[in-house]
Every structure is written in C-alpha cells, then in structure tokens.
Amino acid sequence: ILALLSAPDSVFPVIDSYWPHWLLSAW
C-alpha cells in the first residue's frame, strides 16, 4: 500500500510502529 502511494523509505518504520495502534483505534 505504501509503495503504491509512493511513500519514501523513511516513512516505513514509522508506519510499522504507528499502524497497529491506529488500526485498533479505527476498529
């Protein structure tokens, strides 16, 4: 998904850490 959105490599570690918490909040 991030590759499709042309996200830079520097964002990947932040997303890996952030998305579990964000996805729980979304649910």
mmCIF file of all heavy atoms, coordinates in Angstrom:
data_MODEL
# 
_entry.id   MODEL 
# 
loop_
_atom_site.group_PDB 
_atom_site.id 
_atom_site.type_symbol 
_atom_site.label_atom_id 
_atom_site.label_alt_id 
_atom_site.label_comp_id 
_atom_site.label_asym_id 
_atom_site.label_entity_id 
_atom_site.label_seq_id 
_atom_site.pdbx_PDB_ins_code 
_atom_site.Cartn_x 
_atom_site.Cartn_y 
_atom_site.Cartn_z 
_atom_site.occupancy 
_atom_site.B_iso_or_equiv 
_atom_site.pdbx_formal_charge 
_atom_site.auth_seq_id 
_atom_site.auth_comp_id 
_atom_site.auth_asym_id 
_atom_site.auth_atom_id 
_atom_site.pdbx_PDB_model_num 
ATOM 1   N N   . ILE A 1 1  ? 0.844   -1.203 0.000  1.00 0.00 ? 1  ILE A N   1 
ATOM 2   C CA  . ILE A 1 1  ? 0.000   0.000  0.000  1.00 0.00 ? 1  ILE A CA  1 
ATOM 3   C C   . ILE A 1 1  ? 0.878   1.251  0.000  1.00 0.00 ? 1  ILE A C   1 
ATOM 4   O O   . ILE A 1 1  ? 0.656   2.182  -0.789 1.00 0.00 ? 1  ILE A O   1 
ATOM 5   C CB  . ILE A 1 1  ? -0.958  0.024  1.219  1.00 0.00 ? 1  ILE A CB  1 
ATOM 6   C CG1 . ILE A 1 1  ? -2.060  -1.026 1.070  1.00 0.00 ? 1  ILE A CG1 1 
ATOM 7   C CG2 . ILE A 1 1  ? -1.603  1.410  1.403  1.00 0.00 ? 1  ILE A CG2 1 
ATOM 8   C CD1 . ILE A 1 1  ? -2.866  -1.287 2.350  1.00 0.00 ? 1  ILE A CD1 1 
ATOM 9   N N   . LEU A 1 2  ? 1.896   1.271  0.865  1.00 0.00 ? 2  LEU A N   1 
ATOM 10  C CA  . LEU A 1 2  ? 2.796   2.430  0.955  1.00 0.00 ? 2  LEU A CA  1 
ATOM 11  C C   . LEU A 1 2  ? 3.589   2.617  -0.339 1.00 0.00 ? 2  LEU A C   1 
ATOM 12  O O   . LEU A 1 2  ? 3.831   3.742  -0.776 1.00 0.00 ? 2  LEU A O   1 
ATOM 13  C CB  . LEU A 1 2  ? 3.747   2.276  2.147  1.00 0.00 ? 2  LEU A CB  1 
ATOM 14  C CG  . LEU A 1 2  ? 3.108   2.404  3.538  1.00 0.00 ? 2  LEU A CG  1 
ATOM 15  C CD1 . LEU A 1 2  ? 4.094   2.025  4.616  1.00 0.00 ? 2  LEU A CD1 1 
ATOM 16  C CD2 . LEU A 1 2  ? 2.590   3.821  3.775  1.00 0.00 ? 2  LEU A CD2 1 
ATOM 17  N N   . ALA A 1 3  ? 3.986   1.490  -0.952 1.00 0.00 ? 3  ALA A N   1 
ATOM 18  C CA  . ALA A 1 3  ? 4.708   1.565  -2.233 1.00 0.00 ? 3  ALA A CA  1 
ATOM 19  C C   . ALA A 1 3  ? 3.805   2.150  -3.313 1.00 0.00 ? 3  ALA A C   1 
ATOM 20  O O   . ALA A 1 3  ? 4.242   2.966  -4.143 1.00 0.00 ? 3  ALA A O   1 
ATOM 21  C CB  . ALA A 1 3  ? 5.189   0.169  -2.637 1.00 0.00 ? 3  ALA A CB  1 
ATOM 22  N N   . LEU A 1 4  ? 2.542   1.747  -3.281 1.00 0.00 ? 4  LEU A N   1 
ATOM 23  C CA  . LEU A 1 4  ? 1.553   2.259  -4.245 1.00 0.00 ? 4  LEU A CA  1 
ATOM 24  C C   . LEU A 1 4  ? 1.344   3.764  -4.081 1.00 0.00 ? 4  LEU A C   1 
ATOM 25  O O   . LEU A 1 4  ? 1.128   4.490  -5.051 1.00 0.00 ? 4  LEU A O   1 
ATOM 26  C CB  . LEU A 1 4  ? 0.227   1.512  -4.053 1.00 0.00 ? 4  LEU A CB  1 
ATOM 27  C CG  . LEU A 1 4  ? -0.838  1.644  -5.138 1.00 0.00 ? 4  LEU A CG  1 
ATOM 28  C CD1 . LEU A 1 4  ? -0.397  0.954  -6.416 1.00 0.00 ? 4  LEU A CD1 1 
ATOM 29  C CD2 . LEU A 1 4  ? -2.160  1.044  -4.664 1.00 0.00 ? 4  LEU A CD2 1 
ATOM 30  N N   . LEU A 1 5  ? 1.430   4.235  -2.819 1.00 0.00 ? 5  LEU A N   1 
ATOM 31  C CA  . LEU A 1 5  ? 1.255   5.664  -2.516 1.00 0.00 ? 5  LEU A CA  1 
ATOM 32  C C   . LEU A 1 5  ? 2.564   6.459  -2.664 1.00 0.00 ? 5  LEU A C   1 
ATOM 33  O O   . LEU A 1 5  ? 2.609   7.644  -2.328 1.00 0.00 ? 5  LEU A O   1 
ATOM 34  C CB  . LEU A 1 5  ? 0.720   5.836  -1.089 1.00 0.00 ? 5  LEU A CB  1 
ATOM 35  C CG  . LEU A 1 5  ? -0.705  5.335  -0.821 1.00 0.00 ? 5  LEU A CG  1 
ATOM 36  C CD1 . LEU A 1 5  ? -1.004  5.327  0.668  1.00 0.00 ? 5  LEU A CD1 1 
ATOM 37  C CD2 . LEU A 1 5  ? -1.738  6.183  -1.549 1.00 0.00 ? 5  LEU A CD2 1 
ATOM 38  N N   . SER A 1 6  ? 3.612   5.775  -3.167 1.00 0.00 ? 6  SER A N   1 
ATOM 39  C CA  . SER A 1 6  ? 4.940   6.396  -3.377 1.00 0.00 ? 6  SER A CA  1 
ATOM 40  C C   . SER A 1 6  ? 5.523   6.953  -2.080 1.00 0.00 ? 6  SER A C   1 
ATOM 41  O O   . SER A 1 6  ? 6.139   8.035  -2.077 1.00 0.00 ? 6  SER A O   1 
ATOM 42  C CB  . SER A 1 6  ? 4.857   7.509  -4.435 1.00 0.00 ? 6  SER A CB  1 
ATOM 43  O OG  . SER A 1 6  ? 4.286   7.037  -5.621 1.00 0.00 ? 6  SER A OG  1 
ATOM 44  N N   . ALA A 1 7  ? 5.353   6.234  -0.990 1.00 0.00 ? 7  ALA A N   1 
ATOM 45  C CA  . ALA A 1 7  ? 5.903   6.673  0.299  1.00 0.00 ? 7  ALA A CA  1 
ATOM 46  C C   . ALA A 1 7  ? 7.416   6.467  0.320  1.00 0.00 ? 7  ALA A C   1 
ATOM 47  O O   . ALA A 1 7  ? 7.903   5.436  -0.151 1.00 0.00 ? 7  ALA A O   1 
ATOM 48  C CB  . ALA A 1 7  ? 5.262   5.882  1.433  1.00 0.00 ? 7  ALA A CB  1 
ATOM 49  N N   . PRO A 1 8  ? 8.169   7.429  0.852  1.00 0.00 ? 8  PRO A N   1 
ATOM 50  C CA  . PRO A 1 8  ? 9.635   7.259  0.947  1.00 0.00 ? 8  PRO A CA  1 
ATOM 51  C C   . PRO A 1 8  ? 9.998   6.203  1.988  1.00 0.00 ? 8  PRO A C   1 
ATOM 52  O O   . PRO A 1 8  ? 9.215   5.917  2.901  1.00 0.00 ? 8  PRO A O   1 
ATOM 53  C CB  . PRO A 1 8  ? 10.125  8.643  1.387  1.00 0.00 ? 8  PRO A CB  1 
ATOM 54  C CG  . PRO A 1 8  ? 8.954   9.283  2.046  1.00 0.00 ? 8  PRO A CG  1 
ATOM 55  C CD  . PRO A 1 8  ? 7.729   8.731  1.374  1.00 0.00 ? 8  PRO A CD  1 
ATOM 56  N N   . ASP A 1 9  ? 11.185  5.619  1.864  1.00 0.00 ? 9  ASP A N   1 
ATOM 57  C CA  . ASP A 1 9  ? 11.626  4.550  2.774  1.00 0.00 ? 9  ASP A CA  1 
ATOM 58  C C   . ASP A 1 9  ? 11.627  4.990  4.238  1.00 0.00 ? 9  ASP A C   1 
ATOM 59  O O   . ASP A 1 9  ? 11.392  4.173  5.134  1.00 0.00 ? 9  ASP A O   1 
ATOM 60  C CB  . ASP A 1 9  ? 13.048  4.091  2.387  1.00 0.00 ? 9  ASP A CB  1 
ATOM 61  C CG  . ASP A 1 9  ? 13.059  3.361  1.043  1.00 0.00 ? 9  ASP A CG  1 
ATOM 62  O OD1 . ASP A 1 9  ? 11.975  2.923  0.619  1.00 0.00 ? 9  ASP A OD1 1 
ATOM 63  O OD2 . ASP A 1 9  ? 14.142  3.249  0.438  1.00 0.00 ? 9  ASP A OD2 1 
ATOM 64  N N   . SER A 1 10 ? 11.887  6.275  4.475  1.00 0.00 ? 10 SER A N   1 
ATOM 65  C CA  . SER A 1 10 ? 11.976  6.787  5.853  1.00 0.00 ? 10 SER A CA  1 
ATOM 66  C C   . SER A 1 10 ? 10.647  6.689  6.608  1.00 0.00 ? 10 SER A C   1 
ATOM 67  O O   . SER A 1 10 ? 10.625  6.669  7.841  1.00 0.00 ? 10 SER A O   1 
ATOM 68  C CB  . SER A 1 10 ? 12.446  8.248  5.841  1.00 0.00 ? 10 SER A CB  1 
ATOM 69  O OG  . SER A 1 10 ? 11.582  9.042  5.038  1.00 0.00 ? 10 SER A OG  1 
ATOM 70  N N   . VAL A 1 11 ? 9.525   6.608  5.867  1.00 0.00 ? 11 VAL A N   1 
ATOM 71  C CA  . VAL A 1 11 ? 8.191   6.555  6.492  1.00 0.00 ? 11 VAL A CA  1 
ATOM 72  C C   . VAL A 1 11 ? 7.836   5.133  6.943  1.00 0.00 ? 11 VAL A C   1 
ATOM 73  O O   . VAL A 1 11 ? 7.075   4.949  7.892  1.00 0.00 ? 11 VAL A O   1 
ATOM 74  C CB  . VAL A 1 11 ? 7.113   7.119  5.519  1.00 0.00 ? 11 VAL A CB  1 
ATOM 75  C CG1 . VAL A 1 11 ? 5.707   6.845  6.022  1.00 0.00 ? 11 VAL A CG1 1 
ATOM 76  C CG2 . VAL A 1 11 ? 7.306   8.613  5.320  1.00 0.00 ? 11 VAL A CG2 1 
ATOM 77  N N   . PHE A 1 12 ? 8.402   4.117  6.300  1.00 0.00 ? 12 PHE A N   1 
ATOM 78  C CA  . PHE A 1 12 ? 8.034   2.714  6.569  1.00 0.00 ? 12 PHE A CA  1 
ATOM 79  C C   . PHE A 1 12 ? 8.188   2.326  8.053  1.00 0.00 ? 12 PHE A C   1 
ATOM 80  O O   . PHE A 1 12 ? 7.251   1.741  8.622  1.00 0.00 ? 12 PHE A O   1 
ATOM 81  C CB  . PHE A 1 12 ? 8.851   1.761  5.677  1.00 0.00 ? 12 PHE A CB  1 
ATOM 82  C CG  . PHE A 1 12 ? 8.307   1.638  4.273  1.00 0.00 ? 12 PHE A CG  1 
ATOM 83  C CD1 . PHE A 1 12 ? 8.312   2.715  3.406  1.00 0.00 ? 12 PHE A CD1 1 
ATOM 84  C CD2 . PHE A 1 12 ? 7.782   0.432  3.818  1.00 0.00 ? 12 PHE A CD2 1 
ATOM 85  C CE1 . PHE A 1 12 ? 7.820   2.612  2.115  1.00 0.00 ? 12 PHE A CE1 1 
ATOM 86  C CE2 . PHE A 1 12 ? 7.271   0.310  2.528  1.00 0.00 ? 12 PHE A CE2 1 
ATOM 87  C CZ  . PHE A 1 12 ? 7.290   1.410  1.666  1.00 0.00 ? 12 PHE A CZ  1 
ATOM 88  N N   . PRO A 1 13 ? 9.319   2.621  8.711  1.00 0.00 ? 13 PRO A N   1 
ATOM 89  C CA  . PRO A 1 13 ? 9.433   2.256  10.131 1.00 0.00 ? 13 PRO A CA  1 
ATOM 90  C C   . PRO A 1 13 ? 8.412   2.965  11.024 1.00 0.00 ? 13 PRO A C   1 
ATOM 91  O O   . PRO A 1 13 ? 7.916   2.370  11.990 1.00 0.00 ? 13 PRO A O   1 
ATOM 92  C CB  . PRO A 1 13 ? 10.858  2.706  10.506 1.00 0.00 ? 13 PRO A CB  1 
ATOM 93  C CG  . PRO A 1 13 ? 11.581  2.886  9.223  1.00 0.00 ? 13 PRO A CG  1 
ATOM 94  C CD  . PRO A 1 13 ? 10.562  3.251  8.211  1.00 0.00 ? 13 PRO A CD  1 
ATOM 95  N N   . VAL A 1 14 ? 8.106   4.222  10.692 1.00 0.00 ? 14 VAL A N   1 
ATOM 96  C CA  . VAL A 1 14 ? 7.110   4.983  11.472 1.00 0.00 ? 14 VAL A CA  1 
ATOM 97  C C   . VAL A 1 14 ? 5.742   4.323  11.336 1.00 0.00 ? 14 VAL A C   1 
ATOM 98  O O   . VAL A 1 14 ? 5.018   4.141  12.318 1.00 0.00 ? 14 VAL A O   1 
ATOM 99  C CB  . VAL A 1 14 ? 7.047   6.463  11.015 1.00 0.00 ? 14 VAL A CB  1 
ATOM 100 C CG1 . VAL A 1 14 ? 6.058   7.250  11.868 1.00 0.00 ? 14 VAL A CG1 1 
ATOM 101 C CG2 . VAL A 1 14 ? 8.421   7.113  11.083 1.00 0.00 ? 14 VAL A CG2 1 
ATOM 102 N N   . ILE A 1 15 ? 5.397   3.941  10.102 1.00 0.00 ? 15 ILE A N   1 
ATOM 103 C CA  . ILE A 1 15 ? 4.107   3.278  9.830  1.00 0.00 ? 15 ILE A CA  1 
ATOM 104 C C   . ILE A 1 15 ? 4.041   1.924  10.535 1.00 0.00 ? 15 ILE A C   1 
ATOM 105 O O   . ILE A 1 15 ? 3.015   1.559  11.119 1.00 0.00 ? 15 ILE A O   1 
ATOM 106 C CB  . ILE A 1 15 ? 3.893   3.103  8.301  1.00 0.00 ? 15 ILE A CB  1 
ATOM 107 C CG1 . ILE A 1 15 ? 3.678   4.462  7.615  1.00 0.00 ? 15 ILE A CG1 1 
ATOM 108 C CG2 . ILE A 1 15 ? 2.737   2.142  8.008  1.00 0.00 ? 15 ILE A CG2 1 
ATOM 109 C CD1 . ILE A 1 15 ? 2.364   5.141  7.881  1.00 0.00 ? 15 ILE A CD1 1 
ATOM 110 N N   . ASP A 1 16 ? 5.142   1.153  10.480 1.00 0.00 ? 16 ASP A N   1 
ATOM 111 C CA  . ASP A 1 16 ? 5.182   -0.165 11.151 1.00 0.00 ? 16 ASP A CA  1 
ATOM 112 C C   . ASP A 1 16 ? 4.885   -0.041 12.640 1.00 0.00 ? 16 ASP A C   1 
ATOM 113 O O   . ASP A 1 16 ? 4.254   -0.919 13.237 1.00 0.00 ? 16 ASP A O   1 
ATOM 114 C CB  . ASP A 1 16 ? 6.563   -0.813 10.961 1.00 0.00 ? 16 ASP A CB  1 
ATOM 115 C CG  . ASP A 1 16 ? 6.751   -1.371 9.550  1.00 0.00 ? 16 ASP A CG  1 
ATOM 116 O OD1 . ASP A 1 16 ? 5.745   -1.471 8.819  1.00 0.00 ? 16 ASP A OD1 1 
ATOM 117 O OD2 . ASP A 1 16 ? 7.893   -1.695 9.185  1.00 0.00 ? 16 ASP A OD2 1 
ATOM 118 N N   . SER A 1 17 ? 5.343   1.055  13.233 1.00 0.00 ? 17 SER A N   1 
ATOM 119 C CA  . SER A 1 17 ? 5.113   1.283  14.660 1.00 0.00 ? 17 SER A CA  1 
ATOM 120 C C   . SER A 1 17 ? 3.727   1.866  14.934 1.00 0.00 ? 17 SER A C   1 
ATOM 121 O O   . SER A 1 17 ? 3.079   1.513  15.928 1.00 0.00 ? 17 SER A O   1 
ATOM 122 C CB  . SER A 1 17 ? 6.191   2.238  15.189 1.00 0.00 ? 17 SER A CB  1 
ATOM 123 O OG  . SER A 1 17 ? 5.917   2.626  16.502 1.00 0.00 ? 17 SER A OG  1 
ATOM 124 N N   . TYR A 1 18 ? 3.260   2.743  14.014 1.00 0.00 ? 18 TYR A N   1 
ATOM 125 C CA  . TYR A 1 18 ? 2.020   3.516  14.234 1.00 0.00 ? 18 TYR A CA  1 
ATOM 126 C C   . TYR A 1 18 ? 0.754   2.748  13.888 1.00 0.00 ? 18 TYR A C   1 
ATOM 127 O O   . TYR A 1 18 ? -0.233  2.821  14.623 1.00 0.00 ? 18 TYR A O   1 
ATOM 128 C CB  . TYR A 1 18 ? 2.110   4.813  13.420 1.00 0.00 ? 18 TYR A CB  1 
ATOM 129 C CG  . TYR A 1 18 ? 0.850   5.640  13.371 1.00 0.00 ? 18 TYR A CG  1 
ATOM 130 C CD1 . TYR A 1 18 ? 0.200   6.067  14.533 1.00 0.00 ? 18 TYR A CD1 1 
ATOM 131 C CD2 . TYR A 1 18 ? 0.295   6.034  12.139 1.00 0.00 ? 18 TYR A CD2 1 
ATOM 132 C CE1 . TYR A 1 18 ? -0.950  6.845  14.479 1.00 0.00 ? 18 TYR A CE1 1 
ATOM 133 C CE2 . TYR A 1 18 ? -0.850  6.820  12.071 1.00 0.00 ? 18 TYR A CE2 1 
ATOM 134 C CZ  . TYR A 1 18 ? -1.474  7.215  13.234 1.00 0.00 ? 18 TYR A CZ  1 
ATOM 135 O OH  . TYR A 1 18 ? -2.607  7.992  13.180 1.00 0.00 ? 18 TYR A OH  1 
ATOM 136 N N   . TRP A 1 19 ? 0.775   1.985  12.784 1.00 0.00 ? 19 TRP A N   1 
ATOM 137 C CA  . TRP A 1 19 ? -0.467  1.392  12.284 1.00 0.00 ? 19 TRP A CA  1 
ATOM 138 C C   . TRP A 1 19 ? -1.149  0.382  13.219 1.00 0.00 ? 19 TRP A C   1 
ATOM 139 O O   . TRP A 1 19 ? -2.385  0.333  13.236 1.00 0.00 ? 19 TRP A O   1 
ATOM 140 C CB  . TRP A 1 19 ? -0.258  0.817  10.879 1.00 0.00 ? 19 TRP A CB  1 
ATOM 141 C CG  . TRP A 1 19 ? -0.473  1.871  9.809  1.00 0.00 ? 19 TRP A CG  1 
ATOM 142 C CD1 . TRP A 1 19 ? -0.461  3.229  10.004 1.00 0.00 ? 19 TRP A CD1 1 
ATOM 143 C CD2 . TRP A 1 19 ? -0.729  1.669  8.420  1.00 0.00 ? 19 TRP A CD2 1 
ATOM 144 N NE1 . TRP A 1 19 ? -0.684  3.886  8.809  1.00 0.00 ? 19 TRP A NE1 1 
ATOM 145 C CE2 . TRP A 1 19 ? -0.848  2.953  7.827  1.00 0.00 ? 19 TRP A CE2 1 
ATOM 146 C CE3 . TRP A 1 19 ? -0.856  0.556  7.610  1.00 0.00 ? 19 TRP A CE3 1 
ATOM 147 C CZ2 . TRP A 1 19 ? -1.100  3.132  6.471  1.00 0.00 ? 19 TRP A CZ2 1 
ATOM 148 C CZ3 . TRP A 1 19 ? -1.100  0.719  6.250  1.00 0.00 ? 19 TRP A CZ3 1 
ATOM 149 C CH2 . TRP A 1 19 ? -1.230  1.985  5.679  1.00 0.00 ? 19 TRP A CH2 1 
ATOM 150 N N   . PRO A 1 20 ? -0.429  -0.429 14.009 1.00 0.00 ? 20 PRO A N   1 
ATOM 151 C CA  . PRO A 1 20 ? -1.166  -1.306 14.942 1.00 0.00 ? 20 PRO A CA  1 
ATOM 152 C C   . PRO A 1 20 ? -2.059  -0.511 15.898 1.00 0.00 ? 20 PRO A C   1 
ATOM 153 O O   . PRO A 1 20 ? -3.209  -0.890 16.151 1.00 0.00 ? 20 PRO A O   1 
ATOM 154 C CB  . PRO A 1 20 ? -0.048  -2.025 15.712 1.00 0.00 ? 20 PRO A CB  1 
ATOM 155 C CG  . PRO A 1 20 ? 1.123   -1.985 14.806 1.00 0.00 ? 20 PRO A CG  1 
ATOM 156 C CD  . PRO A 1 20 ? 1.025   -0.686 14.061 1.00 0.00 ? 20 PRO A CD  1 
ATOM 157 N N   . HIS A 1 21 ? -1.533  0.618  16.403 1.00 0.00 ? 21 HIS A N   1 
ATOM 158 C CA  . HIS A 1 21 ? -2.304  1.467  17.319 1.00 0.00 ? 21 HIS A CA  1 
ATOM 159 C C   . HIS A 1 21 ? -3.435  2.184  16.579 1.00 0.00 ? 21 HIS A C   1 
ATOM 160 O O   . HIS A 1 21 ? -4.555  2.287  17.080 1.00 0.00 ? 21 HIS A O   1 
ATOM 161 C CB  . HIS A 1 21 ? -1.387  2.490  17.990 1.00 0.00 ? 21 HIS A CB  1 
ATOM 162 C CG  . HIS A 1 21 ? -0.255  1.875  18.730 1.00 0.00 ? 21 HIS A CG  1 
ATOM 163 N ND1 . HIS A 1 21 ? -0.427  1.184  19.912 1.00 0.00 ? 21 HIS A ND1 1 
ATOM 164 C CD2 . HIS A 1 21 ? 1.076   1.816  18.456 1.00 0.00 ? 21 HIS A CD2 1 
ATOM 165 C CE1 . HIS A 1 21 ? 0.743   0.739  20.338 1.00 0.00 ? 21 HIS A CE1 1 
ATOM 166 N NE2 . HIS A 1 21 ? 1.672   1.104  19.467 1.00 0.00 ? 21 HIS A NE2 1 
ATOM 167 N N   . TRP A 1 22 ? -3.126  2.666  15.360 1.00 0.00 ? 22 TRP A N   1 
ATOM 168 C CA  . TRP A 1 22 ? -4.146  3.368  14.573 1.00 0.00 ? 22 TRP A CA  1 
ATOM 169 C C   . TRP A 1 22 ? -5.276  2.423  14.157 1.00 0.00 ? 22 TRP A C   1 
ATOM 170 O O   . TRP A 1 22 ? -6.456  2.771  14.242 1.00 0.00 ? 22 TRP A O   1 
ATOM 171 C CB  . TRP A 1 22 ? -3.513  4.007  13.326 1.00 0.00 ? 22 TRP A CB  1 
ATOM 172 C CG  . TRP A 1 22 ? -4.565  4.398  12.339 1.00 0.00 ? 22 TRP A CG  1 
ATOM 173 C CD1 . TRP A 1 22 ? -5.528  5.360  12.496 1.00 0.00 ? 22 TRP A CD1 1 
ATOM 174 C CD2 . TRP A 1 22 ? -4.829  3.778  11.072 1.00 0.00 ? 22 TRP A CD2 1 
ATOM 175 N NE1 . TRP A 1 22 ? -6.369  5.377  11.389 1.00 0.00 ? 22 TRP A NE1 1 
ATOM 176 C CE2 . TRP A 1 22 ? -5.953  4.418  10.505 1.00 0.00 ? 22 TRP A CE2 1 
ATOM 177 C CE3 . TRP A 1 22 ? -4.212  2.759  10.353 1.00 0.00 ? 22 TRP A CE3 1 
ATOM 178 C CZ2 . TRP A 1 22 ? -6.467  4.068  9.260  1.00 0.00 ? 22 TRP A CZ2 1 
ATOM 179 C CZ3 . TRP A 1 22 ? -4.726  2.397  9.115  1.00 0.00 ? 22 TRP A CZ3 1 
ATOM 180 C CH2 . TRP A 1 22 ? -5.837  3.047  8.592  1.00 0.00 ? 22 TRP A CH2 1 
ATOM 181 N N   . LEU A 1 23 ? -4.921  1.196  13.717 1.00 0.00 ? 23 LEU A N   1 
ATOM 182 C CA  . LEU A 1 23 ? -5.939  0.229  13.278 1.00 0.00 ? 23 LEU A CA  1 
ATOM 183 C C   . LEU A 1 23 ? -6.854  -0.171 14.435 1.00 0.00 ? 23 LEU A C   1 
ATOM 184 O O   . LEU A 1 23 ? -8.068  -0.334 14.238 1.00 0.00 ? 23 LEU A O   1 
ATOM 185 C CB  . LEU A 1 23 ? -5.268  -1.011 12.674 1.00 0.00 ? 23 LEU A CB  1 
ATOM 186 C CG  . LEU A 1 23 ? -4.631  -0.799 11.296 1.00 0.00 ? 23 LEU A CG  1 
ATOM 187 C CD1 . LEU A 1 23 ? -3.733  -1.960 10.921 1.00 0.00 ? 23 LEU A CD1 1 
ATOM 188 C CD2 . LEU A 1 23 ? -5.703  -0.594 10.224 1.00 0.00 ? 23 LEU A CD2 1 
ATOM 189 N N   . LEU A 1 24 ? -6.286  -0.309 15.634 1.00 0.00 ? 24 LEU A N   1 
ATOM 190 C CA  . LEU A 1 24 ? -7.118  -0.602 16.811 1.00 0.00 ? 24 LEU A CA  1 
ATOM 191 C C   . LEU A 1 24 ? -8.075  0.555  17.088 1.00 0.00 ? 24 LEU A C   1 
ATOM 192 O O   . LEU A 1 24 ? -9.272  0.328  17.355 1.00 0.00 ? 24 LEU A O   1 
ATOM 193 C CB  . LEU A 1 24 ? -6.235  -0.868 18.039 1.00 0.00 ? 24 LEU A CB  1 
ATOM 194 C CG  . LEU A 1 24 ? -6.974  -1.181 19.350 1.00 0.00 ? 24 LEU A CG  1 
ATOM 195 C CD1 . LEU A 1 24 ? -7.820  -2.444 19.223 1.00 0.00 ? 24 LEU A CD1 1 
ATOM 196 C CD2 . LEU A 1 24 ? -5.983  -1.316 20.514 1.00 0.00 ? 24 LEU A CD2 1 
ATOM 197 N N   . SER A 1 25 ? -7.580  1.783  16.996 1.00 0.00 ? 25 SER A N   1 
ATOM 198 C CA  . SER A 1 25 ? -8.441  2.954  17.232 1.00 0.00 ? 25 SER A CA  1 
ATOM 199 C C   . SER A 1 25 ? -9.536  3.048  16.159 1.00 0.00 ? 25 SER A C   1 
ATOM 200 O O   . SER A 1 25 ? -10.664 3.434  16.443 1.00 0.00 ? 25 SER A O   1 
ATOM 201 C CB  . SER A 1 25 ? -7.609  4.247  17.259 1.00 0.00 ? 25 SER A CB  1 
ATOM 202 O OG  . SER A 1 25 ? -7.169  4.606  15.969 1.00 0.00 ? 25 SER A OG  1 
ATOM 203 N N   . ALA A 1 26 ? -9.186  2.659  14.917 1.00 0.00 ? 26 ALA A N   1 
ATOM 204 C CA  . ALA A 1 26 ? -10.167 2.674  13.815 1.00 0.00 ? 26 ALA A CA  1 
ATOM 205 C C   . ALA A 1 26 ? -11.273 1.662  14.070 1.00 0.00 ? 26 ALA A C   1 
ATOM 206 O O   . ALA A 1 26 ? -12.461 1.940  13.815 1.00 0.00 ? 26 ALA A O   1 
ATOM 207 C CB  . ALA A 1 26 ? -9.471  2.371  12.485 1.00 0.00 ? 26 ALA A CB  1 
ATOM 208 N N   . TRP A 1 27 ? -10.897 0.479  14.610 1.00 0.00 ? 27 TRP A N   1 
ATOM 209 C CA  . TRP A 1 27 ? -11.901 -0.554 14.894 1.00 0.00 ? 27 TRP A CA  1 
ATOM 210 C C   . TRP A 1 27 ? -12.830 -0.127 16.031 1.00 0.00 ? 27 TRP A C   1 
ATOM 211 O O   . TRP A 1 27 ? -14.053 -0.270 15.927 1.00 0.00 ? 27 TRP A O   1 
ATOM 212 C CB  . TRP A 1 27 ? -11.216 -1.875 15.247 1.00 0.00 ? 27 TRP A CB  1 
ATOM 213 C CG  . TRP A 1 27 ? -12.224 -2.955 15.549 1.00 0.00 ? 27 TRP A CG  1 
ATOM 214 C CD1 . TRP A 1 27 ? -13.005 -3.635 14.648 1.00 0.00 ? 27 TRP A CD1 1 
ATOM 215 C CD2 . TRP A 1 27 ? -12.588 -3.451 16.845 1.00 0.00 ? 27 TRP A CD2 1 
ATOM 216 N NE1 . TRP A 1 27 ? -13.829 -4.531 15.305 1.00 0.00 ? 27 TRP A NE1 1 
ATOM 217 C CE2 . TRP A 1 27 ? -13.592 -4.432 16.649 1.00 0.00 ? 27 TRP A CE2 1 
ATOM 218 C CE3 . TRP A 1 27 ? -12.161 -3.165 18.133 1.00 0.00 ? 27 TRP A CE3 1 
ATOM 219 C CZ2 . TRP A 1 27 ? -14.168 -5.136 17.704 1.00 0.00 ? 27 TRP A CZ2 1 
ATOM 220 C CZ3 . TRP A 1 27 ? -12.729 -3.864 19.193 1.00 0.00 ? 27 TRP A CZ3 1 
ATOM 221 C CH2 . TRP A 1 27 ? -13.719 -4.834 18.971 1.00 0.00 ? 27 TRP A CH2 1 
# 
